[in-house]
């Protein structure tokens, strides 16, 4: 499959080498590079980008920074933009026009840029993301089956979520973050993630989440 056909089919194009970065930027007059880091900030940042890809015609080359570091370093070299992860860089004719990273990848930051620089789609697209939630399902089932205490479940869930750098949809990110919120605020102990009255019954909320993610 050619790179053009691959992008048309799934919107996302893996870029693992400097040569693939160069080919990608040469092929598409308007394109973006998304550098995927190694924590939930990547999941959240890509979830925001994904909502815009549904209605805008933008090929996105993604780079897993740890695994494909030469490609990441090459982007830094050709753009002069300091490396961050996650990081979103928008290109026109191979030249960087906009960059945003980490928690600043928000709808408010991306909205005006997409409106001004990225062509709109004719009809919404389905963006294929990494929607495998099975590790979370297994953990929730173990908790509901009584194999884990509240504290053990929360600790394992928050640790998994904090380290999750999957390219997930905004909907899936919001569902998975519903139980315990921002894992960066967690330092151990159930009291760290909100007052008990705001958390409600944990078992009931876990069952509701398990039902929603399917």
N, C-alpha and C. Protein backbone atom coordinates (compact mmCIF):
# COMPACT_ATOMS: atom_id res chain seq x y z
N UNK A 1 0.85 -1.20 0.00
CA UNK A 1 0.00 0.00 0.00
C UNK A 1 0.88 1.24 0.00
N UNK A 2 0.57 2.20 -0.86
CA UNK A 2 1.36 3.43 -0.88
C UNK A 2 1.05 4.26 0.34
N UNK A 3 1.94 5.20 0.65
CA UNK A 3 1.71 6.05 1.82
C UNK A 3 0.44 6.87 1.64
N UNK A 4 0.19 7.33 0.39
CA UNK A 4 -1.02 8.12 0.13
C UNK A 4 -2.27 7.30 0.39
N UNK A 5 -2.28 6.05 -0.11
CA UNK A 5 -3.45 5.20 0.09
C UNK A 5 -3.63 4.87 1.55
N UNK A 6 -2.53 4.66 2.26
CA UNK A 6 -2.61 4.34 3.69
C UNK A 6 -3.23 5.49 4.45
N UNK A 7 -2.81 6.73 4.13
CA UNK A 7 -3.35 7.88 4.82
C UNK A 7 -4.84 8.05 4.53
N UNK A 8 -5.23 7.84 3.27
CA UNK A 8 -6.65 7.96 2.92
C UNK A 8 -7.47 6.97 3.72
N UNK A 9 -6.92 5.76 3.95
CA UNK A 9 -7.68 4.72 4.63
C UNK A 9 -7.76 4.94 6.13
N UNK A 10 -6.70 5.43 6.74
CA UNK A 10 -6.72 5.45 8.19
C UNK A 10 -6.30 6.78 8.80
N UNK A 11 -5.98 7.79 8.00
CA UNK A 11 -5.61 9.11 8.46
C UNK A 11 -4.21 9.15 9.09
N UNK A 12 -3.88 8.12 9.87
CA UNK A 12 -2.62 8.10 10.59
C UNK A 12 -1.55 7.32 9.83
N UNK A 13 -0.33 7.86 9.80
CA UNK A 13 0.79 7.22 9.11
C UNK A 13 1.96 7.10 10.08
N UNK A 14 2.43 5.89 10.37
CA UNK A 14 3.61 5.75 11.25
C UNK A 14 4.86 6.23 10.54
N UNK A 15 5.67 6.99 11.25
CA UNK A 15 6.94 7.51 10.71
C UNK A 15 8.06 7.02 11.63
N UNK A 16 8.80 6.02 11.18
CA UNK A 16 9.80 5.40 12.05
C UNK A 16 11.23 5.75 11.67
N UNK A 17 11.43 6.38 10.51
CA UNK A 17 12.78 6.72 10.06
C UNK A 17 12.81 8.15 9.52
N UNK A 18 13.99 8.77 9.47
CA UNK A 18 14.10 10.11 8.86
C UNK A 18 13.61 10.12 7.42
N UNK A 19 13.87 9.06 6.68
CA UNK A 19 13.45 9.00 5.28
C UNK A 19 11.92 9.02 5.17
N UNK A 20 11.26 8.32 6.07
CA UNK A 20 9.79 8.33 6.04
C UNK A 20 9.24 9.70 6.39
N UNK A 21 9.90 10.40 7.31
CA UNK A 21 9.49 11.77 7.63
C UNK A 21 9.58 12.65 6.40
N UNK A 22 10.71 12.59 5.70
CA UNK A 22 10.91 13.42 4.51
C UNK A 22 9.89 13.10 3.42
N UNK A 23 9.64 11.81 3.20
CA UNK A 23 8.67 11.42 2.19
C UNK A 23 7.27 11.92 2.54
N UNK A 24 6.92 11.77 3.81
CA UNK A 24 5.59 12.19 4.26
C UNK A 24 5.39 13.69 4.04
N UNK A 25 6.35 14.50 4.45
CA UNK A 25 6.21 15.95 4.33
C UNK A 25 6.26 16.40 2.87
N UNK A 26 6.95 15.65 2.04
CA UNK A 26 7.01 15.98 0.61
C UNK A 26 5.71 15.62 -0.10
N UNK A 27 5.06 14.55 0.39
CA UNK A 27 3.86 14.03 -0.28
C UNK A 27 2.63 14.90 -0.07
N UNK A 28 2.51 15.48 1.13
CA UNK A 28 1.26 16.17 1.48
C UNK A 28 1.50 17.66 1.70
N UNK A 29 0.81 18.51 0.93
CA UNK A 29 1.00 19.96 1.07
C UNK A 29 0.66 20.47 2.46
N UNK A 30 -0.39 19.90 3.06
CA UNK A 30 -0.76 20.24 4.44
C UNK A 30 -0.78 18.94 5.23
N UNK A 31 0.02 18.88 6.27
CA UNK A 31 0.13 17.65 7.06
C UNK A 31 0.58 18.02 8.47
N UNK A 32 0.54 17.04 9.33
CA UNK A 32 0.99 17.25 10.71
C UNK A 32 1.81 16.08 11.17
N UNK A 33 2.68 16.34 12.13
CA UNK A 33 3.43 15.29 12.81
C UNK A 33 3.03 15.31 14.28
N UNK A 34 2.72 14.14 14.80
CA UNK A 34 2.39 14.01 16.22
C UNK A 34 3.42 13.11 16.86
N UNK A 35 4.16 13.65 17.82
CA UNK A 35 5.14 12.86 18.56
C UNK A 35 4.47 12.27 19.80
N UNK A 36 4.46 10.94 19.85
CA UNK A 36 3.81 10.23 20.95
C UNK A 36 4.82 9.92 22.03
N UNK A 37 4.55 10.38 23.25
CA UNK A 37 5.44 10.13 24.36
C UNK A 37 5.13 8.81 25.05
N UNK A 38 5.42 8.75 26.33
CA UNK A 38 5.30 7.48 27.06
C UNK A 38 4.39 7.59 28.27
N UNK A 39 3.42 8.50 28.23
CA UNK A 39 2.50 8.61 29.36
C UNK A 39 1.15 9.08 28.88
N UNK A 40 0.21 9.21 29.82
CA UNK A 40 -1.17 9.53 29.47
C UNK A 40 -1.33 10.90 28.81
N UNK A 41 -0.32 11.78 28.92
CA UNK A 41 -0.41 13.06 28.22
C UNK A 41 -0.53 12.85 26.72
N UNK A 42 0.14 11.81 26.20
CA UNK A 42 0.01 11.48 24.78
C UNK A 42 -1.41 11.06 24.47
N UNK A 43 -1.99 10.20 25.31
CA UNK A 43 -3.36 9.75 25.09
C UNK A 43 -4.33 10.91 25.09
N UNK A 44 -4.17 11.83 26.05
CA UNK A 44 -5.07 12.97 26.11
C UNK A 44 -4.86 13.89 24.93
N UNK A 45 -3.59 14.20 24.60
CA UNK A 45 -3.31 15.11 23.50
C UNK A 45 -3.81 14.59 22.18
N UNK A 46 -3.59 13.31 21.92
CA UNK A 46 -4.07 12.76 20.66
C UNK A 46 -5.59 12.72 20.63
N UNK A 47 -6.21 12.48 21.77
CA UNK A 47 -7.67 12.49 21.81
C UNK A 47 -8.24 13.81 21.33
N UNK A 48 -7.57 14.92 21.69
CA UNK A 48 -8.01 16.24 21.22
C UNK A 48 -7.80 16.36 19.71
N UNK A 49 -6.64 15.95 19.22
CA UNK A 49 -6.37 16.01 17.78
C UNK A 49 -7.39 15.18 17.01
N UNK A 50 -7.71 14.01 17.54
CA UNK A 50 -8.63 13.09 16.87
C UNK A 50 -9.99 13.73 16.60
N UNK A 51 -10.46 14.57 17.51
CA UNK A 51 -11.77 15.19 17.31
C UNK A 51 -11.76 16.12 16.09
N UNK A 52 -10.64 16.77 15.83
CA UNK A 52 -10.54 17.65 14.66
C UNK A 52 -10.36 16.85 13.37
N UNK A 53 -9.69 15.70 13.45
CA UNK A 53 -9.47 14.90 12.25
C UNK A 53 -10.78 14.35 11.68
N UNK A 54 -11.79 14.25 12.50
CA UNK A 54 -13.07 13.75 12.02
C UNK A 54 -13.69 14.67 10.98
N UNK A 55 -13.37 15.96 11.05
CA UNK A 55 -14.01 16.93 10.16
C UNK A 55 -13.04 17.75 9.32
N UNK A 56 -11.75 17.42 9.40
CA UNK A 56 -10.74 18.13 8.62
C UNK A 56 -9.84 17.14 7.91
N UNK A 57 -9.45 17.49 6.70
CA UNK A 57 -8.66 16.60 5.86
C UNK A 57 -7.18 16.84 6.14
N UNK A 58 -6.63 16.11 7.09
CA UNK A 58 -5.25 16.32 7.51
C UNK A 58 -4.55 14.99 7.74
N UNK A 59 -3.62 14.60 6.87
CA UNK A 59 -2.79 13.43 7.16
C UNK A 59 -1.90 13.71 8.38
N UNK A 60 -1.81 12.76 9.28
CA UNK A 60 -0.99 12.91 10.47
C UNK A 60 0.03 11.78 10.53
N UNK A 61 1.30 12.16 10.53
CA UNK A 61 2.35 11.18 10.74
C UNK A 61 2.66 11.11 12.23
N UNK A 62 2.59 9.90 12.80
CA UNK A 62 2.87 9.81 14.23
C UNK A 62 4.20 9.09 14.46
N UNK A 63 4.90 9.57 15.47
CA UNK A 63 6.22 9.04 15.81
C UNK A 63 6.20 8.60 17.26
N UNK A 64 6.49 7.33 17.51
CA UNK A 64 6.66 6.85 18.88
C UNK A 64 8.10 7.18 19.28
N UNK A 65 8.23 8.19 20.11
CA UNK A 65 9.54 8.79 20.34
C UNK A 65 10.56 7.78 20.85
N UNK A 66 10.19 6.95 21.81
CA UNK A 66 11.14 6.01 22.39
C UNK A 66 11.59 4.99 21.36
N UNK A 67 10.64 4.47 20.56
CA UNK A 67 10.96 3.42 19.60
C UNK A 67 11.57 3.95 18.31
N UNK A 68 11.18 5.16 17.92
CA UNK A 68 11.59 5.70 16.62
C UNK A 68 12.32 7.04 16.80
N UNK A 69 13.28 7.03 17.69
CA UNK A 69 13.97 8.26 18.04
C UNK A 69 14.67 8.93 16.85
N UNK A 70 15.29 8.19 15.92
CA UNK A 70 15.90 8.87 14.77
C UNK A 70 14.90 9.74 13.99
N UNK A 71 13.68 9.25 13.84
CA UNK A 71 12.66 10.04 13.15
C UNK A 71 12.31 11.29 13.96
N UNK A 72 12.18 11.13 15.28
CA UNK A 72 11.89 12.27 16.14
C UNK A 72 13.01 13.31 16.08
N UNK A 73 14.24 12.84 16.17
CA UNK A 73 15.37 13.76 16.12
C UNK A 73 15.43 14.49 14.77
N UNK A 74 15.05 13.78 13.72
CA UNK A 74 15.08 14.40 12.38
C UNK A 74 14.07 15.54 12.29
N UNK A 75 12.90 15.34 12.86
CA UNK A 75 11.89 16.42 12.87
C UNK A 75 12.46 17.64 13.58
N UNK A 76 13.12 17.42 14.70
CA UNK A 76 13.73 18.54 15.43
C UNK A 76 14.78 19.24 14.58
N UNK A 77 15.58 18.47 13.87
CA UNK A 77 16.65 19.05 13.05
C UNK A 77 16.10 19.88 11.89
N UNK A 78 15.09 19.36 11.20
CA UNK A 78 14.60 20.07 10.01
C UNK A 78 13.70 21.24 10.35
N UNK A 79 13.13 21.25 11.55
CA UNK A 79 12.23 22.35 11.92
C UNK A 79 12.88 23.38 12.83
N UNK A 80 13.88 22.96 13.59
CA UNK A 80 14.45 23.85 14.60
C UNK A 80 13.58 24.00 15.83
N UNK A 81 12.53 23.17 15.92
CA UNK A 81 11.61 23.23 17.06
C UNK A 81 12.09 22.25 18.12
N UNK A 82 12.28 22.72 19.33
CA UNK A 82 12.75 21.86 20.41
C UNK A 82 11.80 20.70 20.63
N UNK A 83 12.36 19.53 20.85
CA UNK A 83 11.56 18.32 21.04
C UNK A 83 10.74 18.39 22.32
N UNK A 84 9.48 17.97 22.21
CA UNK A 84 8.60 17.73 23.35
C UNK A 84 7.81 16.47 23.04
N UNK A 85 7.21 15.89 24.05
CA UNK A 85 6.27 14.80 23.79
C UNK A 85 5.21 14.79 24.89
N UNK A 86 3.95 14.73 24.49
CA UNK A 86 3.49 14.74 23.11
C UNK A 86 3.69 16.11 22.47
N UNK A 87 3.74 16.10 21.14
CA UNK A 87 3.95 17.34 20.39
C UNK A 87 3.21 17.26 19.07
N UNK A 88 2.53 18.33 18.72
CA UNK A 88 1.79 18.43 17.46
C UNK A 88 2.39 19.57 16.64
N UNK A 89 2.85 19.25 15.42
CA UNK A 89 3.43 20.26 14.54
C UNK A 89 2.67 20.23 13.22
N UNK A 90 2.13 21.35 12.81
CA UNK A 90 1.41 21.47 11.54
C UNK A 90 2.34 22.04 10.47
N UNK A 91 2.34 21.41 9.30
CA UNK A 91 3.22 21.81 8.21
C UNK A 91 2.41 22.25 6.99
N UNK A 92 2.93 23.24 6.27
CA UNK A 92 2.45 23.59 4.93
C UNK A 92 3.65 23.59 4.00
N UNK A 93 3.51 22.84 2.90
CA UNK A 93 4.61 22.72 1.94
C UNK A 93 5.93 22.36 2.63
N UNK A 94 5.84 21.49 3.61
CA UNK A 94 7.03 21.01 4.29
C UNK A 94 7.61 21.94 5.32
N UNK A 95 6.98 23.08 5.55
CA UNK A 95 7.48 24.06 6.51
C UNK A 95 6.56 24.12 7.73
N UNK A 96 7.14 24.13 8.92
CA UNK A 96 6.31 24.19 10.14
C UNK A 96 5.60 25.54 10.27
N UNK A 97 4.29 25.47 10.54
CA UNK A 97 3.50 26.69 10.68
C UNK A 97 2.92 26.86 12.08
N UNK A 98 2.86 25.77 12.84
CA UNK A 98 2.25 25.83 14.16
C UNK A 98 2.75 24.65 14.98
N UNK A 99 2.98 24.91 16.26
CA UNK A 99 3.45 23.84 17.16
C UNK A 99 2.84 24.03 18.53
N UNK A 100 2.45 22.90 19.14
CA UNK A 100 1.92 22.93 20.49
C UNK A 100 2.24 21.59 21.14
N UNK A 101 2.41 21.58 22.47
CA UNK A 101 2.81 20.34 23.10
C UNK A 101 2.24 20.20 24.51
N UNK A 102 2.41 18.98 25.02
CA UNK A 102 2.01 18.63 26.38
C UNK A 102 0.56 19.01 26.67
N UNK A 103 0.30 19.58 27.85
CA UNK A 103 -1.07 19.91 28.24
C UNK A 103 -1.65 21.05 27.43
N UNK A 104 -0.83 21.72 26.61
CA UNK A 104 -1.35 22.83 25.80
C UNK A 104 -2.02 22.35 24.52
N UNK A 105 -2.04 21.04 24.28
CA UNK A 105 -2.78 20.51 23.13
C UNK A 105 -4.25 20.45 23.54
N UNK A 106 -4.96 21.52 23.28
CA UNK A 106 -6.35 21.68 23.72
C UNK A 106 -7.23 22.09 22.54
N UNK A 107 -8.54 21.91 22.66
CA UNK A 107 -9.44 22.38 21.61
C UNK A 107 -9.30 23.88 21.36
N UNK A 108 -9.06 24.64 22.41
CA UNK A 108 -8.93 26.09 22.27
C UNK A 108 -7.69 26.46 21.46
N UNK A 109 -6.60 25.69 21.62
CA UNK A 109 -5.38 25.97 20.88
C UNK A 109 -5.49 25.52 19.43
N UNK A 110 -6.10 24.36 19.19
CA UNK A 110 -6.14 23.80 17.84
C UNK A 110 -7.26 24.35 16.98
N UNK A 111 -8.37 24.74 17.59
CA UNK A 111 -9.54 25.17 16.82
C UNK A 111 -9.25 26.24 15.78
N UNK A 112 -8.70 27.38 16.16
CA UNK A 112 -8.43 28.44 15.17
C UNK A 112 -7.44 28.02 14.09
N UNK A 113 -6.47 27.19 14.45
CA UNK A 113 -5.46 26.75 13.49
C UNK A 113 -6.09 25.84 12.43
N UNK A 114 -6.90 24.90 12.86
CA UNK A 114 -7.58 24.03 11.91
C UNK A 114 -8.52 24.83 11.01
N UNK A 115 -9.21 25.79 11.58
CA UNK A 115 -10.14 26.59 10.78
C UNK A 115 -9.41 27.39 9.70
N UNK A 116 -8.25 27.91 10.03
CA UNK A 116 -7.52 28.78 9.11
C UNK A 116 -6.66 28.02 8.10
N UNK A 117 -6.08 26.89 8.52
CA UNK A 117 -5.03 26.27 7.71
C UNK A 117 -5.35 24.89 7.17
N UNK A 118 -6.37 24.21 7.71
CA UNK A 118 -6.62 22.83 7.33
C UNK A 118 -7.94 22.71 6.58
N UNK A 119 -7.94 22.08 5.39
CA UNK A 119 -9.20 21.95 4.63
C UNK A 119 -10.23 21.13 5.40
N UNK A 120 -11.48 21.52 5.25
CA UNK A 120 -12.57 20.77 5.87
C UNK A 120 -12.88 19.53 5.05
N UNK A 121 -13.33 18.47 5.72
CA UNK A 121 -13.77 17.26 5.03
C UNK A 121 -15.19 17.42 4.53
N UNK A 122 -15.52 16.67 3.51
CA UNK A 122 -16.92 16.57 3.09
C UNK A 122 -17.51 15.36 3.80
N UNK A 123 -18.10 15.61 4.96
CA UNK A 123 -18.61 14.52 5.78
C UNK A 123 -17.59 14.12 6.83
N UNK A 124 -18.06 13.61 7.93
CA UNK A 124 -17.17 13.23 9.03
C UNK A 124 -16.45 11.93 8.72
N UNK A 125 -15.22 11.82 9.21
CA UNK A 125 -14.42 10.61 9.02
C UNK A 125 -14.35 9.83 10.33
N UNK A 126 -14.16 8.53 10.19
CA UNK A 126 -13.92 7.68 11.35
C UNK A 126 -12.42 7.48 11.47
N UNK A 127 -11.83 8.02 12.51
CA UNK A 127 -10.39 7.92 12.70
C UNK A 127 -10.08 6.63 13.43
N UNK A 128 -9.24 5.80 12.82
CA UNK A 128 -8.87 4.53 13.44
C UNK A 128 -7.81 4.79 14.50
N UNK A 129 -8.15 4.54 15.75
CA UNK A 129 -7.21 4.76 16.85
C UNK A 129 -6.96 3.44 17.57
N UNK A 130 -6.06 3.47 18.54
CA UNK A 130 -5.71 2.27 19.28
C UNK A 130 -6.70 2.09 20.43
N UNK A 131 -7.82 1.46 20.12
CA UNK A 131 -8.94 1.42 21.06
C UNK A 131 -8.98 0.13 21.88
N UNK A 132 -7.84 -0.54 22.05
CA UNK A 132 -7.82 -1.76 22.85
C UNK A 132 -7.86 -1.42 24.33
N UNK A 133 -9.00 -1.58 24.93
CA UNK A 133 -9.16 -1.30 26.35
C UNK A 133 -9.14 -2.58 27.18
N UNK A 134 -8.69 -3.68 26.60
CA UNK A 134 -8.76 -4.96 27.30
C UNK A 134 -7.99 -4.99 28.61
N UNK A 135 -6.78 -4.39 28.70
CA UNK A 135 -6.10 -4.41 30.02
C UNK A 135 -6.94 -3.76 31.11
N UNK A 136 -7.66 -2.68 30.77
CA UNK A 136 -8.52 -2.04 31.75
C UNK A 136 -9.72 -2.92 32.08
N UNK A 137 -10.27 -3.58 31.06
CA UNK A 137 -11.39 -4.48 31.31
C UNK A 137 -11.00 -5.59 32.28
N UNK A 138 -9.85 -6.20 32.03
CA UNK A 138 -9.41 -7.30 32.91
C UNK A 138 -9.23 -6.82 34.33
N UNK A 139 -8.64 -5.65 34.48
CA UNK A 139 -8.42 -5.12 35.82
C UNK A 139 -9.74 -4.83 36.53
N UNK A 140 -10.70 -4.26 35.80
CA UNK A 140 -12.00 -3.98 36.40
C UNK A 140 -12.74 -5.25 36.76
N UNK A 141 -12.66 -6.28 35.89
CA UNK A 141 -13.32 -7.54 36.20
C UNK A 141 -12.72 -8.19 37.45
N UNK A 142 -11.38 -8.13 37.56
CA UNK A 142 -10.74 -8.69 38.76
C UNK A 142 -11.22 -7.98 40.02
N UNK A 143 -11.38 -6.67 39.93
CA UNK A 143 -11.85 -5.91 41.09
C UNK A 143 -13.29 -6.30 41.43
N UNK A 144 -14.13 -6.37 40.43
CA UNK A 144 -15.53 -6.71 40.68
C UNK A 144 -15.68 -8.15 41.16
N UNK A 145 -14.75 -9.03 40.79
CA UNK A 145 -14.77 -10.42 41.26
C UNK A 145 -14.18 -10.58 42.65
N UNK A 146 -13.75 -9.49 43.26
CA UNK A 146 -13.22 -9.55 44.62
C UNK A 146 -11.76 -9.94 44.72
N UNK A 147 -11.03 -9.93 43.60
CA UNK A 147 -9.63 -10.33 43.62
C UNK A 147 -8.71 -9.19 44.07
N UNK A 148 -9.22 -7.96 44.07
CA UNK A 148 -8.42 -6.80 44.45
C UNK A 148 -9.20 -5.94 45.43
N UNK A 149 -8.50 -5.41 46.42
CA UNK A 149 -9.13 -4.44 47.32
C UNK A 149 -9.29 -3.11 46.60
N UNK A 150 -10.06 -2.19 47.19
CA UNK A 150 -10.21 -0.85 46.61
C UNK A 150 -8.85 -0.20 46.38
N UNK A 151 -8.00 -0.27 47.41
CA UNK A 151 -6.71 0.41 47.32
C UNK A 151 -5.82 -0.23 46.25
N UNK A 152 -5.79 -1.56 46.19
CA UNK A 152 -4.98 -2.23 45.17
C UNK A 152 -5.48 -1.93 43.77
N UNK A 153 -6.80 -1.94 43.60
CA UNK A 153 -7.37 -1.64 42.28
C UNK A 153 -7.02 -0.22 41.85
N UNK A 154 -7.21 0.73 42.75
CA UNK A 154 -6.94 2.12 42.38
C UNK A 154 -5.46 2.30 42.02
N UNK A 155 -4.58 1.71 42.81
CA UNK A 155 -3.16 1.87 42.56
C UNK A 155 -2.77 1.30 41.20
N UNK A 156 -3.28 0.11 40.88
CA UNK A 156 -2.94 -0.52 39.60
C UNK A 156 -3.58 0.23 38.43
N UNK A 157 -4.81 0.67 38.61
CA UNK A 157 -5.51 1.38 37.54
C UNK A 157 -4.81 2.71 37.24
N UNK A 158 -4.51 3.47 38.29
CA UNK A 158 -3.88 4.78 38.10
C UNK A 158 -2.50 4.62 37.48
N UNK A 159 -1.75 3.61 37.92
CA UNK A 159 -0.42 3.38 37.35
C UNK A 159 -0.51 3.03 35.88
N UNK A 160 -1.47 2.17 35.52
CA UNK A 160 -1.66 1.80 34.13
C UNK A 160 -2.04 3.01 33.28
N UNK A 161 -2.96 3.80 33.81
CA UNK A 161 -3.44 4.97 33.07
C UNK A 161 -2.32 6.01 32.91
N UNK A 162 -1.54 6.20 33.96
CA UNK A 162 -0.46 7.20 33.93
C UNK A 162 0.58 6.84 32.87
N UNK A 163 0.82 5.54 32.67
CA UNK A 163 1.84 5.10 31.72
C UNK A 163 1.29 4.85 30.33
N UNK A 164 0.00 5.03 30.13
CA UNK A 164 -0.64 4.69 28.85
C UNK A 164 -0.38 5.77 27.81
N UNK A 165 0.33 5.41 26.75
CA UNK A 165 0.63 6.35 25.67
C UNK A 165 -0.05 5.94 24.37
N UNK A 166 -1.17 5.22 24.47
CA UNK A 166 -1.89 4.78 23.28
C UNK A 166 -2.53 5.96 22.58
N UNK A 167 -2.69 5.83 21.26
CA UNK A 167 -3.38 6.86 20.49
C UNK A 167 -4.87 6.53 20.53
N UNK A 168 -5.54 7.05 21.55
CA UNK A 168 -6.94 6.75 21.77
C UNK A 168 -7.83 7.93 21.37
N UNK A 169 -9.09 7.62 21.10
CA UNK A 169 -10.06 8.66 20.79
C UNK A 169 -10.34 9.49 22.03
N UNK A 170 -10.87 10.69 21.79
CA UNK A 170 -11.23 11.56 22.91
C UNK A 170 -12.28 10.90 23.79
N UNK A 171 -13.23 10.21 23.19
CA UNK A 171 -14.28 9.54 23.97
C UNK A 171 -13.67 8.49 24.89
N UNK A 172 -12.76 7.67 24.35
CA UNK A 172 -12.19 6.62 25.17
C UNK A 172 -11.30 7.19 26.27
N UNK A 173 -10.56 8.25 25.96
CA UNK A 173 -9.76 8.89 27.01
C UNK A 173 -10.65 9.39 28.13
N UNK A 174 -11.75 10.05 27.79
CA UNK A 174 -12.63 10.59 28.81
C UNK A 174 -13.26 9.48 29.65
N UNK A 175 -13.60 8.36 29.01
CA UNK A 175 -14.17 7.24 29.76
C UNK A 175 -13.15 6.67 30.75
N UNK A 176 -11.93 6.43 30.28
CA UNK A 176 -10.92 5.82 31.13
C UNK A 176 -10.47 6.73 32.26
N UNK A 177 -10.54 8.05 32.03
CA UNK A 177 -10.11 8.99 33.07
C UNK A 177 -11.21 9.30 34.07
N UNK A 178 -12.39 8.74 33.85
CA UNK A 178 -13.54 9.08 34.69
C UNK A 178 -13.38 8.60 36.13
N UNK A 179 -12.76 7.45 36.32
CA UNK A 179 -12.73 6.87 37.66
C UNK A 179 -11.93 7.69 38.65
N UNK A 180 -10.70 8.09 38.26
CA UNK A 180 -9.79 8.70 39.23
C UNK A 180 -9.18 10.01 38.78
N UNK A 181 -9.58 10.53 37.63
CA UNK A 181 -9.09 11.83 37.22
C UNK A 181 -7.63 11.83 36.81
N UNK A 182 -6.95 12.92 37.11
CA UNK A 182 -5.57 13.14 36.67
C UNK A 182 -4.62 12.29 37.49
N UNK A 183 -3.94 11.31 36.88
CA UNK A 183 -3.02 10.47 37.65
C UNK A 183 -1.79 11.21 38.15
N UNK A 184 -1.47 12.36 37.57
CA UNK A 184 -0.32 13.13 38.06
C UNK A 184 -0.57 13.70 39.45
N UNK A 185 -1.84 13.74 39.85
CA UNK A 185 -2.17 14.25 41.19
C UNK A 185 -2.16 13.15 42.23
N UNK A 186 -1.87 11.92 41.80
CA UNK A 186 -1.97 10.76 42.68
C UNK A 186 -0.61 10.44 43.28
N UNK A 187 -0.56 10.35 44.59
CA UNK A 187 0.69 10.00 45.27
C UNK A 187 0.48 8.86 46.26
N UNK A 188 -0.58 8.09 46.07
CA UNK A 188 -0.84 6.96 46.95
C UNK A 188 -1.93 7.27 47.96
N UNK A 189 -2.81 6.32 48.15
CA UNK A 189 -3.89 6.51 49.13
C UNK A 189 -5.16 6.98 48.45
N UNK A 190 -6.27 6.40 48.82
CA UNK A 190 -7.54 6.75 48.18
C UNK A 190 -7.91 8.21 48.39
N UNK A 191 -7.43 8.82 49.46
CA UNK A 191 -7.80 10.20 49.75
C UNK A 191 -7.19 11.18 48.75
N UNK A 192 -6.22 10.74 47.97
CA UNK A 192 -5.51 11.66 47.10
C UNK A 192 -6.35 12.10 45.90
N UNK A 193 -7.39 11.37 45.55
CA UNK A 193 -8.11 11.65 44.32
C UNK A 193 -9.54 12.10 44.57
N UNK A 194 -9.72 12.96 45.53
CA UNK A 194 -11.04 13.52 45.75
C UNK A 194 -11.69 13.00 47.01
N UNK A 195 -12.61 13.76 47.53
CA UNK A 195 -13.31 13.37 48.75
C UNK A 195 -14.19 12.15 48.49
N UNK A 196 -14.38 11.29 49.50
CA UNK A 196 -15.18 10.08 49.30
C UNK A 196 -16.57 10.38 48.77
N UNK A 197 -17.18 11.47 49.23
CA UNK A 197 -18.54 11.76 48.78
C UNK A 197 -18.59 12.11 47.31
N UNK A 198 -17.46 12.59 46.75
CA UNK A 198 -17.45 12.94 45.33
C UNK A 198 -17.16 11.72 44.46
N UNK A 199 -16.58 10.65 45.06
CA UNK A 199 -16.24 9.47 44.28
C UNK A 199 -17.43 8.51 44.15
N UNK A 200 -18.33 8.57 45.10
CA UNK A 200 -19.45 7.66 45.06
C UNK A 200 -18.99 6.23 45.33
N UNK A 201 -19.89 5.28 45.12
CA UNK A 201 -19.56 3.89 45.34
C UNK A 201 -18.65 3.39 44.23
N UNK A 202 -17.44 2.95 44.58
CA UNK A 202 -16.44 2.59 43.58
C UNK A 202 -16.90 1.39 42.75
N UNK A 203 -17.44 0.38 43.39
CA UNK A 203 -17.85 -0.81 42.64
C UNK A 203 -18.93 -0.48 41.62
N UNK A 204 -19.87 0.36 42.00
CA UNK A 204 -20.94 0.74 41.07
C UNK A 204 -20.38 1.53 39.89
N UNK A 205 -19.44 2.42 40.18
CA UNK A 205 -18.86 3.23 39.10
C UNK A 205 -18.00 2.39 38.17
N UNK A 206 -17.29 1.40 38.73
CA UNK A 206 -16.50 0.50 37.89
C UNK A 206 -17.41 -0.31 36.98
N UNK A 207 -18.52 -0.82 37.53
CA UNK A 207 -19.45 -1.58 36.71
C UNK A 207 -20.04 -0.72 35.60
N UNK A 208 -20.39 0.52 35.92
CA UNK A 208 -20.93 1.42 34.89
C UNK A 208 -19.91 1.67 33.79
N UNK A 209 -18.64 1.88 34.17
CA UNK A 209 -17.60 2.12 33.16
C UNK A 209 -17.38 0.88 32.31
N UNK A 210 -17.35 -0.27 32.93
CA UNK A 210 -17.15 -1.51 32.18
C UNK A 210 -18.28 -1.71 31.17
N UNK A 211 -19.49 -1.37 31.55
CA UNK A 211 -20.62 -1.48 30.62
C UNK A 211 -20.45 -0.52 29.44
N UNK A 212 -19.94 0.68 29.69
CA UNK A 212 -19.82 1.68 28.64
C UNK A 212 -18.71 1.38 27.65
N UNK A 213 -17.58 0.87 28.12
CA UNK A 213 -16.50 0.61 27.17
C UNK A 213 -16.70 -0.71 26.45
N UNK A 214 -17.66 -1.51 26.90
CA UNK A 214 -18.02 -2.73 26.18
C UNK A 214 -17.09 -3.90 26.43
